[in-house]
Amino acid sequence: MTGSGPSSQRPPHPDDATAGAEVLPPPVSAAERANRLSAANMLRSLLPLVVICLLVVGWQAFRNNPDDPVREIEPTSSLRLAEARAVYPLLIPALDEGYRPTSVRTDAGTNPEGSPVTVQLGYVTPAGNYAGYVVTDDADAEALDVLDGAAEEGAVEIDGEEWTRSTTQRGETALTRVADGVTLVVTGSAGDDELREVAEAVEPFAG
């Protein structure tokens, strides 16, 4: 005969009922949900901008062909400033796309109003050579130093205008025309034919 002794089991505890239950995360507040939505909306809004930036960078990389080191510039703003300050009709070569502008300089923005104005332009020619152009009403302009020591070789007619052909100390051709106190110079490593094309293209600036 067996007797029943006192039980060895402890009485149930209230926590035992939830011991095996899944613990759920605390509910997300409305403010947190709004913040998450705002971050997601921001990312979606930035995505088109990122795509556009990548397209622009790709287009620039496509244009800047590593096989072509020439970097063209846009001289229009400088020429407009020079035209506004000059007291003479500004004459600039109107060249086709084969002549690519690579440099422009003017003192129009630094000299007092009414002072002489000098403009210098540099081009890479279709043959890959350099052609420089100068127009100034300053007889002492530094840009005219290229004519120092040049040997005059006579007059040539270009597009109905008389120019003086010279050979500079560098051995390059220089074409010069002076009219109404304004000096025009076309010179550079380009051949005579291309320098003549630059001189022929000179006309009042229409910027």
N, C-alpha and C. Protein backbone atom coordinates (compact mmCIF):
# COMPACT_ATOMS: atom_id res chain seq x y z
N MET A 1 0.86 -1.18 0.00
CA MET A 1 0.00 0.00 0.00
C MET A 1 0.88 1.22 0.00
N THR A 2 0.54 2.04 -0.84
CA THR A 2 1.35 3.26 -0.94
C THR A 2 0.57 4.42 -0.42
N GLY A 3 1.26 5.33 0.20
CA GLY A 3 0.62 6.53 0.70
C GLY A 3 0.92 7.72 -0.16
N SER A 4 0.14 8.65 -0.07
CA SER A 4 0.37 9.87 -0.85
C SER A 4 1.01 10.89 0.04
N GLY A 5 2.20 11.27 -0.32
CA GLY A 5 2.93 12.27 0.47
C GLY A 5 2.72 13.65 -0.08
N PRO A 6 3.35 14.59 0.52
CA PRO A 6 3.23 15.98 0.03
C PRO A 6 3.83 16.14 -1.36
N SER A 7 3.21 16.87 -2.22
CA SER A 7 3.67 17.06 -3.61
C SER A 7 4.96 17.87 -3.63
N SER A 8 5.88 17.46 -4.57
CA SER A 8 7.15 18.20 -4.71
C SER A 8 7.05 19.33 -5.73
N GLN A 9 5.92 19.42 -6.44
CA GLN A 9 5.79 20.49 -7.44
C GLN A 9 5.42 21.80 -6.76
N ARG A 10 6.04 22.93 -7.35
CA ARG A 10 5.73 24.25 -6.80
C ARG A 10 4.41 24.72 -7.36
N PRO A 11 3.76 25.56 -6.68
CA PRO A 11 2.47 26.07 -7.19
C PRO A 11 2.68 26.90 -8.45
N PRO A 12 1.73 26.91 -9.33
CA PRO A 12 1.88 27.69 -10.59
C PRO A 12 2.06 29.17 -10.32
N HIS A 13 2.92 29.77 -11.17
CA HIS A 13 3.19 31.22 -11.05
C HIS A 13 2.49 31.95 -12.18
N PRO A 14 2.03 33.13 -11.96
CA PRO A 14 1.31 33.85 -13.04
C PRO A 14 2.15 34.02 -14.30
N ASP A 15 3.50 34.13 -14.17
CA ASP A 15 4.34 34.34 -15.36
C ASP A 15 4.43 33.12 -16.23
N ASP A 16 4.08 31.92 -15.63
CA ASP A 16 4.21 30.69 -16.41
C ASP A 16 3.26 30.68 -17.59
N ALA A 17 2.19 31.39 -17.50
CA ALA A 17 1.20 31.38 -18.58
C ALA A 17 1.72 32.04 -19.84
N THR A 18 2.66 32.98 -19.68
CA THR A 18 3.18 33.72 -20.85
C THR A 18 4.59 33.31 -21.22
N ALA A 19 5.13 32.30 -20.50
CA ALA A 19 6.53 31.94 -20.75
C ALA A 19 6.72 31.42 -22.16
N GLY A 20 5.78 30.66 -22.68
CA GLY A 20 5.96 30.09 -24.01
C GLY A 20 5.33 30.92 -25.11
N ALA A 21 4.72 32.02 -24.76
CA ALA A 21 4.06 32.85 -25.78
C ALA A 21 5.08 33.71 -26.53
N GLU A 22 4.79 34.06 -27.78
CA GLU A 22 5.67 34.90 -28.61
C GLU A 22 5.63 36.34 -28.11
N VAL A 23 6.83 36.92 -27.97
CA VAL A 23 6.92 38.29 -27.50
C VAL A 23 6.78 39.23 -28.69
N LEU A 24 5.80 40.07 -28.70
CA LEU A 24 5.56 40.98 -29.81
C LEU A 24 6.28 42.30 -29.59
N PRO A 25 6.79 42.93 -30.68
CA PRO A 25 7.45 44.23 -30.52
C PRO A 25 6.43 45.29 -30.13
N PRO A 26 6.90 46.32 -29.50
CA PRO A 26 5.97 47.39 -29.11
C PRO A 26 5.39 48.04 -30.35
N PRO A 27 4.19 48.51 -30.28
CA PRO A 27 3.56 49.14 -31.44
C PRO A 27 4.33 50.38 -31.89
N VAL A 28 4.37 50.60 -33.24
CA VAL A 28 5.06 51.75 -33.81
C VAL A 28 4.15 52.96 -33.73
N SER A 29 4.71 54.04 -33.26
CA SER A 29 3.91 55.24 -33.12
C SER A 29 3.68 55.89 -34.47
N ALA A 30 2.69 56.76 -34.53
CA ALA A 30 2.38 57.47 -35.78
C ALA A 30 3.55 58.34 -36.21
N ALA A 31 4.27 58.93 -35.26
CA ALA A 31 5.41 59.79 -35.59
C ALA A 31 6.52 58.99 -36.26
N GLU A 32 6.77 57.75 -35.71
CA GLU A 32 7.82 56.92 -36.30
C GLU A 32 7.45 56.50 -37.72
N ARG A 33 6.16 56.14 -37.91
CA ARG A 33 5.72 55.77 -39.26
C ARG A 33 5.88 56.93 -40.22
N ALA A 34 5.58 58.14 -39.76
CA ALA A 34 5.72 59.32 -40.62
C ALA A 34 7.17 59.56 -40.99
N ASN A 35 8.09 59.36 -40.01
CA ASN A 35 9.51 59.55 -40.30
C ASN A 35 10.01 58.55 -41.33
N ARG A 36 9.54 57.28 -41.19
CA ARG A 36 9.97 56.27 -42.15
C ARG A 36 9.46 56.59 -43.55
N LEU A 37 8.21 57.02 -43.63
CA LEU A 37 7.65 57.38 -44.93
C LEU A 37 8.38 58.57 -45.53
N SER A 38 8.75 59.55 -44.68
CA SER A 38 9.46 60.73 -45.17
C SER A 38 10.81 60.34 -45.74
N ALA A 39 11.53 59.44 -45.05
CA ALA A 39 12.84 58.99 -45.54
C ALA A 39 12.69 58.26 -46.87
N ALA A 40 11.67 57.41 -46.97
CA ALA A 40 11.46 56.68 -48.22
C ALA A 40 11.10 57.63 -49.36
N ASN A 41 10.25 58.61 -49.07
CA ASN A 41 9.89 59.59 -50.09
C ASN A 41 11.10 60.40 -50.54
N MET A 42 11.98 60.72 -49.58
CA MET A 42 13.17 61.49 -49.92
C MET A 42 14.08 60.70 -50.86
N LEU A 43 14.24 59.41 -50.57
CA LEU A 43 15.07 58.57 -51.43
C LEU A 43 14.47 58.48 -52.83
N ARG A 44 13.15 58.32 -52.89
CA ARG A 44 12.50 58.24 -54.21
C ARG A 44 12.63 59.57 -54.96
N SER A 45 12.61 60.68 -54.24
CA SER A 45 12.73 61.99 -54.88
C SER A 45 14.14 62.23 -55.39
N LEU A 46 15.14 61.73 -54.66
CA LEU A 46 16.53 61.95 -55.05
C LEU A 46 16.96 61.06 -56.20
N LEU A 47 16.29 59.94 -56.39
CA LEU A 47 16.71 58.99 -57.41
C LEU A 47 16.76 59.61 -58.81
N PRO A 48 15.71 60.34 -59.26
CA PRO A 48 15.81 60.95 -60.60
C PRO A 48 16.97 61.94 -60.71
N LEU A 49 17.24 62.70 -59.63
CA LEU A 49 18.34 63.65 -59.66
C LEU A 49 19.68 62.95 -59.82
N VAL A 50 19.84 61.83 -59.11
CA VAL A 50 21.08 61.06 -59.23
C VAL A 50 21.24 60.53 -60.65
N VAL A 51 20.15 60.05 -61.23
CA VAL A 51 20.21 59.53 -62.60
C VAL A 51 20.60 60.63 -63.58
N ILE A 52 20.01 61.83 -63.40
CA ILE A 52 20.33 62.95 -64.28
C ILE A 52 21.81 63.32 -64.16
N CYS A 53 22.32 63.38 -62.92
CA CYS A 53 23.74 63.70 -62.71
C CYS A 53 24.64 62.69 -63.40
N LEU A 54 24.29 61.41 -63.29
CA LEU A 54 25.09 60.38 -63.95
C LEU A 54 25.06 60.54 -65.46
N LEU A 55 23.90 60.90 -66.00
CA LEU A 55 23.80 61.11 -67.45
C LEU A 55 24.64 62.29 -67.90
N VAL A 56 24.63 63.39 -67.10
CA VAL A 56 25.43 64.57 -67.45
C VAL A 56 26.91 64.23 -67.43
N VAL A 57 27.34 63.52 -66.38
CA VAL A 57 28.75 63.14 -66.28
C VAL A 57 29.14 62.25 -67.45
N GLY A 58 28.26 61.32 -67.80
CA GLY A 58 28.55 60.44 -68.93
C GLY A 58 28.64 61.20 -70.24
N TRP A 59 27.74 62.19 -70.42
CA TRP A 59 27.76 62.99 -71.65
C TRP A 59 29.04 63.81 -71.74
N GLN A 60 29.47 64.40 -70.62
CA GLN A 60 30.72 65.17 -70.63
C GLN A 60 31.91 64.27 -70.94
N ALA A 61 31.90 63.08 -70.37
CA ALA A 61 32.99 62.14 -70.64
C ALA A 61 33.00 61.75 -72.11
N PHE A 62 31.79 61.63 -72.69
CA PHE A 62 31.70 61.29 -74.11
C PHE A 62 32.24 62.42 -74.98
N ARG A 63 31.92 63.69 -74.59
CA ARG A 63 32.37 64.84 -75.38
C ARG A 63 33.86 65.04 -75.26
N ASN A 64 34.40 64.86 -74.04
CA ASN A 64 35.83 65.07 -73.83
C ASN A 64 36.59 63.83 -74.25
N ASN A 65 36.69 63.67 -75.54
CA ASN A 65 37.37 62.51 -76.09
C ASN A 65 38.85 62.56 -75.71
N PRO A 66 39.36 61.53 -75.03
CA PRO A 66 40.78 61.56 -74.64
C PRO A 66 41.72 61.61 -75.84
N ASP A 67 41.22 61.22 -77.02
CA ASP A 67 42.05 61.28 -78.22
C ASP A 67 42.11 62.69 -78.80
N ASP A 68 41.27 63.60 -78.30
CA ASP A 68 41.24 64.98 -78.77
C ASP A 68 41.48 65.91 -77.58
N PRO A 69 42.71 66.40 -77.40
CA PRO A 69 43.03 67.21 -76.22
C PRO A 69 42.51 68.64 -76.28
N VAL A 70 41.91 69.06 -77.40
CA VAL A 70 41.45 70.44 -77.55
C VAL A 70 40.26 70.69 -76.63
N ARG A 71 40.33 71.76 -75.85
CA ARG A 71 39.24 72.15 -74.97
C ARG A 71 38.68 73.48 -75.45
N GLU A 72 37.51 73.43 -76.05
CA GLU A 72 36.91 74.64 -76.58
C GLU A 72 36.35 75.51 -75.46
N ILE A 73 36.30 76.82 -75.72
CA ILE A 73 35.71 77.76 -74.77
C ILE A 73 34.59 78.52 -75.48
N GLU A 74 33.76 79.19 -74.69
CA GLU A 74 32.68 80.01 -75.23
C GLU A 74 33.04 81.48 -74.99
N PRO A 75 33.48 82.21 -76.04
CA PRO A 75 33.98 83.57 -75.84
C PRO A 75 32.92 84.66 -75.83
N THR A 76 31.65 84.29 -76.02
CA THR A 76 30.62 85.31 -76.27
C THR A 76 30.51 86.34 -75.16
N SER A 77 30.52 85.92 -73.89
CA SER A 77 30.33 86.87 -72.80
C SER A 77 31.47 87.89 -72.75
N SER A 78 32.70 87.44 -72.98
CA SER A 78 33.84 88.37 -72.99
C SER A 78 33.74 89.34 -74.17
N LEU A 79 33.30 88.83 -75.31
CA LEU A 79 33.17 89.69 -76.48
C LEU A 79 32.06 90.72 -76.30
N ARG A 80 30.99 90.33 -75.64
CA ARG A 80 29.91 91.29 -75.37
C ARG A 80 30.40 92.41 -74.46
N LEU A 81 31.19 92.05 -73.46
CA LEU A 81 31.75 93.06 -72.57
C LEU A 81 32.65 94.02 -73.34
N ALA A 82 33.51 93.45 -74.20
CA ALA A 82 34.41 94.29 -74.99
C ALA A 82 33.63 95.21 -75.93
N GLU A 83 32.58 94.67 -76.54
CA GLU A 83 31.77 95.49 -77.45
C GLU A 83 31.12 96.65 -76.70
N ALA A 84 30.67 96.39 -75.48
CA ALA A 84 30.00 97.43 -74.70
C ALA A 84 30.96 98.53 -74.28
N ARG A 85 32.23 98.18 -74.06
CA ARG A 85 33.20 99.16 -73.56
C ARG A 85 33.99 99.85 -74.68
N ALA A 86 34.11 99.19 -75.82
CA ALA A 86 34.94 99.75 -76.90
C ALA A 86 34.28 100.97 -77.52
N VAL A 87 35.11 101.94 -77.93
CA VAL A 87 34.59 103.14 -78.59
C VAL A 87 34.68 102.99 -80.10
N TYR A 88 34.99 101.80 -80.57
CA TYR A 88 35.07 101.51 -82.00
C TYR A 88 34.22 100.27 -82.30
N PRO A 89 33.78 100.09 -83.54
CA PRO A 89 33.02 98.87 -83.88
C PRO A 89 33.92 97.64 -83.73
N LEU A 90 33.51 96.73 -82.87
CA LEU A 90 34.32 95.55 -82.59
C LEU A 90 34.23 94.56 -83.75
N LEU A 91 35.38 94.26 -84.34
CA LEU A 91 35.45 93.33 -85.47
C LEU A 91 36.00 91.99 -84.98
N ILE A 92 35.25 90.92 -85.25
CA ILE A 92 35.59 89.59 -84.77
C ILE A 92 35.42 88.59 -85.92
N PRO A 93 36.30 87.61 -86.06
CA PRO A 93 36.11 86.60 -87.12
C PRO A 93 34.86 85.75 -86.86
N ALA A 94 34.01 85.64 -87.86
CA ALA A 94 32.84 84.77 -87.79
C ALA A 94 33.19 83.49 -88.53
N LEU A 95 33.79 82.55 -87.82
CA LEU A 95 34.35 81.34 -88.43
C LEU A 95 33.40 80.17 -88.32
N ASP A 96 33.58 79.17 -89.19
CA ASP A 96 32.74 77.99 -89.12
C ASP A 96 33.25 77.06 -88.01
N GLU A 97 32.58 75.93 -87.85
CA GLU A 97 32.87 75.04 -86.73
C GLU A 97 34.25 74.40 -86.82
N GLY A 98 34.86 74.45 -87.99
CA GLY A 98 36.20 73.86 -88.12
C GLY A 98 37.25 74.61 -87.33
N TYR A 99 36.97 75.89 -87.04
CA TYR A 99 37.88 76.70 -86.22
C TYR A 99 37.33 76.73 -84.80
N ARG A 100 38.05 76.10 -83.89
CA ARG A 100 37.54 75.96 -82.52
C ARG A 100 38.22 76.96 -81.59
N PRO A 101 37.45 77.86 -80.96
CA PRO A 101 38.04 78.84 -80.04
C PRO A 101 38.54 78.16 -78.77
N THR A 102 39.77 78.46 -78.41
CA THR A 102 40.37 77.85 -77.22
C THR A 102 40.80 78.88 -76.18
N SER A 103 40.80 80.16 -76.54
CA SER A 103 41.19 81.18 -75.56
C SER A 103 40.59 82.52 -75.96
N VAL A 104 40.31 83.35 -74.95
CA VAL A 104 39.86 84.72 -75.17
C VAL A 104 40.36 85.57 -74.01
N ARG A 105 40.87 86.75 -74.35
CA ARG A 105 41.34 87.69 -73.33
C ARG A 105 40.92 89.09 -73.74
N THR A 106 40.52 89.88 -72.75
CA THR A 106 40.21 91.28 -73.00
C THR A 106 40.47 92.08 -71.73
N ASP A 107 40.87 93.31 -71.91
CA ASP A 107 41.08 94.20 -70.76
C ASP A 107 39.88 95.11 -70.54
N ALA A 108 38.78 94.82 -71.22
CA ALA A 108 37.60 95.68 -71.13
C ALA A 108 37.04 95.75 -69.71
N GLY A 109 37.20 94.68 -68.94
CA GLY A 109 36.63 94.66 -67.61
C GLY A 109 37.51 95.26 -66.54
N THR A 110 38.77 95.58 -66.86
CA THR A 110 39.70 96.10 -65.85
C THR A 110 40.09 97.55 -66.08
N ASN A 111 39.99 98.02 -67.31
CA ASN A 111 40.36 99.40 -67.60
C ASN A 111 39.19 100.35 -67.35
N PRO A 112 39.48 101.60 -67.01
CA PRO A 112 38.39 102.58 -66.81
C PRO A 112 37.58 102.76 -68.08
N GLU A 113 36.34 103.18 -67.90
CA GLU A 113 35.47 103.40 -69.05
C GLU A 113 36.06 104.48 -69.95
N GLY A 114 36.01 104.23 -71.25
CA GLY A 114 36.59 105.15 -72.22
C GLY A 114 38.02 104.83 -72.58
N SER A 115 38.64 103.86 -71.88
CA SER A 115 40.01 103.47 -72.18
C SER A 115 40.04 102.59 -73.43
N PRO A 116 41.22 102.44 -74.05
CA PRO A 116 41.33 101.52 -75.18
C PRO A 116 40.94 100.10 -74.76
N VAL A 117 40.45 99.35 -75.71
CA VAL A 117 40.00 97.97 -75.47
C VAL A 117 40.75 97.04 -76.43
N THR A 118 41.30 95.99 -75.86
CA THR A 118 42.02 94.97 -76.64
C THR A 118 41.33 93.62 -76.46
N VAL A 119 41.19 92.90 -77.55
CA VAL A 119 40.64 91.55 -77.52
C VAL A 119 41.62 90.61 -78.21
N GLN A 120 41.89 89.48 -77.57
CA GLN A 120 42.74 88.44 -78.16
C GLN A 120 41.95 87.14 -78.20
N LEU A 121 41.95 86.50 -79.35
CA LEU A 121 41.28 85.21 -79.52
C LEU A 121 42.27 84.19 -80.06
N GLY A 122 42.14 82.96 -79.59
CA GLY A 122 42.97 81.88 -80.10
C GLY A 122 42.10 80.76 -80.63
N TYR A 123 42.50 80.18 -81.76
CA TYR A 123 41.72 79.11 -82.40
C TYR A 123 42.64 77.94 -82.74
N VAL A 124 42.06 76.75 -82.69
CA VAL A 124 42.68 75.59 -83.32
C VAL A 124 42.02 75.45 -84.68
N THR A 125 42.84 75.42 -85.72
CA THR A 125 42.32 75.41 -87.09
C THR A 125 41.92 73.99 -87.51
N PRO A 126 41.23 73.87 -88.64
CA PRO A 126 40.87 72.53 -89.12
C PRO A 126 42.07 71.61 -89.31
N ALA A 127 43.22 72.19 -89.63
CA ALA A 127 44.43 71.39 -89.81
C ALA A 127 45.13 71.09 -88.49
N GLY A 128 44.58 71.59 -87.37
CA GLY A 128 45.16 71.32 -86.07
C GLY A 128 46.25 72.28 -85.66
N ASN A 129 46.36 73.41 -86.36
CA ASN A 129 47.36 74.42 -86.02
C ASN A 129 46.72 75.56 -85.22
N TYR A 130 47.55 76.54 -84.87
CA TYR A 130 47.07 77.66 -84.06
C TYR A 130 46.93 78.91 -84.91
N ALA A 131 45.82 79.62 -84.72
CA ALA A 131 45.61 80.92 -85.34
C ALA A 131 45.18 81.90 -84.26
N GLY A 132 45.91 83.00 -84.14
CA GLY A 132 45.57 84.01 -83.15
C GLY A 132 45.04 85.26 -83.82
N TYR A 133 44.13 85.93 -83.13
CA TYR A 133 43.54 87.16 -83.66
C TYR A 133 43.58 88.23 -82.58
N VAL A 134 43.95 89.44 -82.98
CA VAL A 134 44.00 90.58 -82.06
C VAL A 134 43.28 91.75 -82.71
N VAL A 135 42.46 92.45 -81.92
CA VAL A 135 41.88 93.72 -82.35
C VAL A 135 42.03 94.69 -81.19
N THR A 136 42.54 95.90 -81.47
CA THR A 136 42.79 96.86 -80.40
C THR A 136 42.86 98.27 -80.96
N ASP A 137 42.48 99.23 -80.12
CA ASP A 137 42.69 100.63 -80.47
C ASP A 137 43.79 101.23 -79.59
N ASP A 138 44.60 100.35 -78.99
CA ASP A 138 45.73 100.76 -78.17
C ASP A 138 47.02 100.45 -78.92
N ALA A 139 47.69 101.49 -79.42
CA ALA A 139 48.91 101.29 -80.21
C ALA A 139 50.02 100.66 -79.39
N ASP A 140 49.93 100.76 -78.06
CA ASP A 140 50.97 100.20 -77.19
C ASP A 140 50.53 98.90 -76.53
N ALA A 141 49.49 98.28 -77.04
CA ALA A 141 48.98 97.06 -76.43
C ALA A 141 50.04 95.96 -76.45
N GLU A 142 50.12 95.24 -75.34
CA GLU A 142 51.10 94.14 -75.25
C GLU A 142 50.83 93.07 -76.30
N ALA A 143 49.57 92.93 -76.69
CA ALA A 143 49.22 91.91 -77.68
C ALA A 143 49.86 92.16 -79.03
N LEU A 144 50.31 93.41 -79.27
CA LEU A 144 50.95 93.74 -80.54
C LEU A 144 52.45 93.46 -80.53
N ASP A 145 52.96 92.98 -79.39
CA ASP A 145 54.40 92.70 -79.31
C ASP A 145 54.83 91.64 -80.31
N VAL A 146 53.86 90.83 -80.77
CA VAL A 146 54.19 89.79 -81.74
C VAL A 146 54.74 90.38 -83.03
N LEU A 147 54.44 91.68 -83.27
CA LEU A 147 54.91 92.33 -84.49
C LEU A 147 56.30 92.94 -84.34
N ASP A 148 56.83 92.95 -83.12
CA ASP A 148 58.16 93.52 -82.91
C ASP A 148 59.20 92.72 -83.70
N GLY A 149 59.94 93.42 -84.54
CA GLY A 149 60.97 92.77 -85.33
C GLY A 149 60.46 92.01 -86.52
N ALA A 150 59.14 92.10 -86.80
CA ALA A 150 58.59 91.38 -87.95
C ALA A 150 59.05 92.04 -89.25
N ALA A 151 59.30 91.23 -90.25
CA ALA A 151 59.77 91.72 -91.55
C ALA A 151 58.58 91.84 -92.49
N GLU A 152 58.27 93.08 -92.90
CA GLU A 152 57.15 93.28 -93.82
C GLU A 152 57.50 92.76 -95.21
N GLU A 153 56.52 92.14 -95.85
CA GLU A 153 56.75 91.55 -97.16
C GLU A 153 55.80 92.10 -98.22
N GLY A 154 55.02 93.12 -97.85
CA GLY A 154 54.16 93.75 -98.84
C GLY A 154 52.69 93.61 -98.51
N ALA A 155 51.88 94.22 -99.35
CA ALA A 155 50.44 94.26 -99.15
C ALA A 155 49.76 93.10 -99.87
N VAL A 156 48.69 92.60 -99.26
CA VAL A 156 47.87 91.57 -99.89
C VAL A 156 46.41 91.99 -99.74
N GLU A 157 45.62 91.67 -100.75
CA GLU A 157 44.20 92.01 -100.69
C GLU A 157 43.42 90.79 -100.24
N ILE A 158 42.63 90.97 -99.19
CA ILE A 158 41.82 89.88 -98.64
C ILE A 158 40.39 90.38 -98.49
N ASP A 159 39.50 89.77 -99.25
CA ASP A 159 38.08 90.11 -99.20
C ASP A 159 37.87 91.61 -99.42
N GLY A 160 38.61 92.17 -100.36
CA GLY A 160 38.45 93.58 -100.71
C GLY A 160 39.16 94.54 -99.78
N GLU A 161 39.85 94.04 -98.76
CA GLU A 161 40.58 94.90 -97.82
C GLU A 161 42.08 94.66 -97.97
N GLU A 162 42.85 95.73 -97.76
CA GLU A 162 44.30 95.61 -97.87
C GLU A 162 44.92 95.29 -96.51
N TRP A 163 45.65 94.20 -96.47
CA TRP A 163 46.38 93.77 -95.29
C TRP A 163 47.87 93.78 -95.60
N THR A 164 48.67 93.91 -94.56
CA THR A 164 50.12 93.83 -94.71
C THR A 164 50.58 92.45 -94.26
N ARG A 165 51.33 91.78 -95.13
CA ARG A 165 51.85 90.46 -94.77
C ARG A 165 53.27 90.61 -94.24
N SER A 166 53.54 89.99 -93.09
CA SER A 166 54.87 90.05 -92.48
C SER A 166 55.26 88.66 -92.01
N THR A 167 56.54 88.50 -91.72
CA THR A 167 57.04 87.27 -91.08
C THR A 167 57.60 87.66 -89.73
N THR A 168 57.06 87.06 -88.68
CA THR A 168 57.49 87.42 -87.33
C THR A 168 58.84 86.79 -87.01
N GLN A 169 59.39 87.18 -85.87
CA GLN A 169 60.67 86.61 -85.45
C GLN A 169 60.56 85.11 -85.16
N ARG A 170 59.36 84.63 -84.97
CA ARG A 170 59.15 83.19 -84.79
C ARG A 170 59.12 82.45 -86.13
N GLY A 171 59.13 83.22 -87.22
CA GLY A 171 59.03 82.60 -88.54
C GLY A 171 57.60 82.34 -88.96
N GLU A 172 56.63 82.94 -88.27
CA GLU A 172 55.23 82.75 -88.60
C GLU A 172 54.70 83.93 -89.40
N THR A 173 53.69 83.66 -90.21
CA THR A 173 53.06 84.72 -90.99
C THR A 173 52.18 85.59 -90.09
N ALA A 174 52.20 86.90 -90.34
CA ALA A 174 51.31 87.83 -89.65
C ALA A 174 50.63 88.69 -90.69
N LEU A 175 49.32 88.79 -90.59
CA LEU A 175 48.53 89.66 -91.45
C LEU A 175 48.01 90.81 -90.60
N THR A 176 48.27 92.05 -91.05
CA THR A 176 47.94 93.22 -90.23
C THR A 176 47.13 94.22 -91.06
N ARG A 177 46.13 94.80 -90.41
CA ARG A 177 45.36 95.87 -91.05
C ARG A 177 45.10 96.95 -90.01
N VAL A 178 45.30 98.21 -90.40
CA VAL A 178 45.06 99.35 -89.51
C VAL A 178 44.05 100.26 -90.19
N ALA A 179 42.98 100.59 -89.46
CA ALA A 179 41.95 101.47 -90.02
C ALA A 179 41.31 102.25 -88.89
N ASP A 180 41.27 103.58 -89.04
CA ASP A 180 40.63 104.46 -88.05
C ASP A 180 41.19 104.25 -86.65
N GLY A 181 42.49 104.03 -86.56
CA GLY A 181 43.13 103.88 -85.26
C GLY A 181 42.97 102.51 -84.63
N VAL A 182 42.38 101.57 -85.35
CA VAL A 182 42.17 100.21 -84.83
C VAL A 182 43.07 99.25 -85.60
N THR A 183 43.82 98.43 -84.87
CA THR A 183 44.74 97.47 -85.48
C THR A 183 44.18 96.06 -85.38
N LEU A 184 44.19 95.35 -86.50
CA LEU A 184 43.79 93.95 -86.55
C LEU A 184 45.02 93.12 -86.91
N VAL A 185 45.21 92.01 -86.21
CA VAL A 185 46.34 91.13 -86.48
C VAL A 185 45.86 89.69 -86.50
N VAL A 186 46.28 88.95 -87.53
CA VAL A 186 46.04 87.51 -87.61
C VAL A 186 47.40 86.85 -87.76
N THR A 187 47.72 85.95 -86.86
CA THR A 187 49.03 85.29 -86.91
C THR A 187 48.95 83.95 -86.21
N GLY A 188 50.02 83.17 -86.34
CA GLY A 188 50.06 81.88 -85.66
C GLY A 188 50.82 80.85 -86.48
N SER A 189 50.81 79.62 -85.98
CA SER A 189 51.53 78.54 -86.66
C SER A 189 50.77 77.99 -87.85
N ALA A 190 49.53 78.42 -88.04
CA ALA A 190 48.73 77.95 -89.17
C ALA A 190 49.34 78.43 -90.48
N GLY A 191 49.01 77.73 -91.54
CA GLY A 191 49.50 78.12 -92.86
C GLY A 191 48.82 79.36 -93.38
N ASP A 192 49.36 79.91 -94.46
CA ASP A 192 48.83 81.15 -95.01
C ASP A 192 47.36 81.02 -95.40
N ASP A 193 46.96 79.88 -95.95
CA ASP A 193 45.57 79.73 -96.40
C ASP A 193 44.60 79.84 -95.22
N GLU A 194 44.93 79.20 -94.11
CA GLU A 194 44.04 79.26 -92.95
C GLU A 194 44.06 80.65 -92.31
N LEU A 195 45.22 81.29 -92.28
CA LEU A 195 45.27 82.65 -91.73
C LEU A 195 44.46 83.61 -92.60
N ARG A 196 44.50 83.41 -93.90
CA ARG A 196 43.68 84.24 -94.78
C ARG A 196 42.19 84.00 -94.52
N GLU A 197 41.82 82.76 -94.25
CA GLU A 197 40.41 82.47 -93.96
C GLU A 197 39.95 83.20 -92.70
N VAL A 198 40.83 83.27 -91.70
CA VAL A 198 40.48 84.02 -90.49
C VAL A 198 40.30 85.50 -90.82
N ALA A 199 41.22 86.05 -91.60
CA ALA A 199 41.12 87.47 -91.97
C ALA A 199 39.87 87.74 -92.80
N GLU A 200 39.54 86.84 -93.70
CA GLU A 200 38.35 87.01 -94.53
C GLU A 200 37.07 86.99 -93.71
N ALA A 201 37.10 86.29 -92.58
CA ALA A 201 35.88 86.12 -91.76
C ALA A 201 35.63 87.29 -90.82
N VAL A 202 36.54 88.27 -90.77
CA VAL A 202 36.38 89.39 -89.84
C VAL A 202 35.17 90.24 -90.24
N GLU A 203 34.32 90.50 -89.26
CA GLU A 203 33.12 91.31 -89.49
C GLU A 203 32.67 91.91 -88.16
N PRO A 204 31.78 92.92 -88.18
CA PRO A 204 31.29 93.49 -86.92
C PRO A 204 30.67 92.42 -86.04
N PHE A 205 31.03 92.44 -84.77
CA PHE A 205 30.54 91.44 -83.82
C PHE A 205 29.03 91.59 -83.66
N ALA A 206 28.34 90.46 -83.75
CA ALA A 206 26.88 90.46 -83.60
C ALA A 206 26.52 89.47 -82.51
N GLY A 207 26.89 89.82 -81.29
CA GLY A 207 26.67 88.89 -80.18
C GLY A 207 25.34 89.04 -79.55
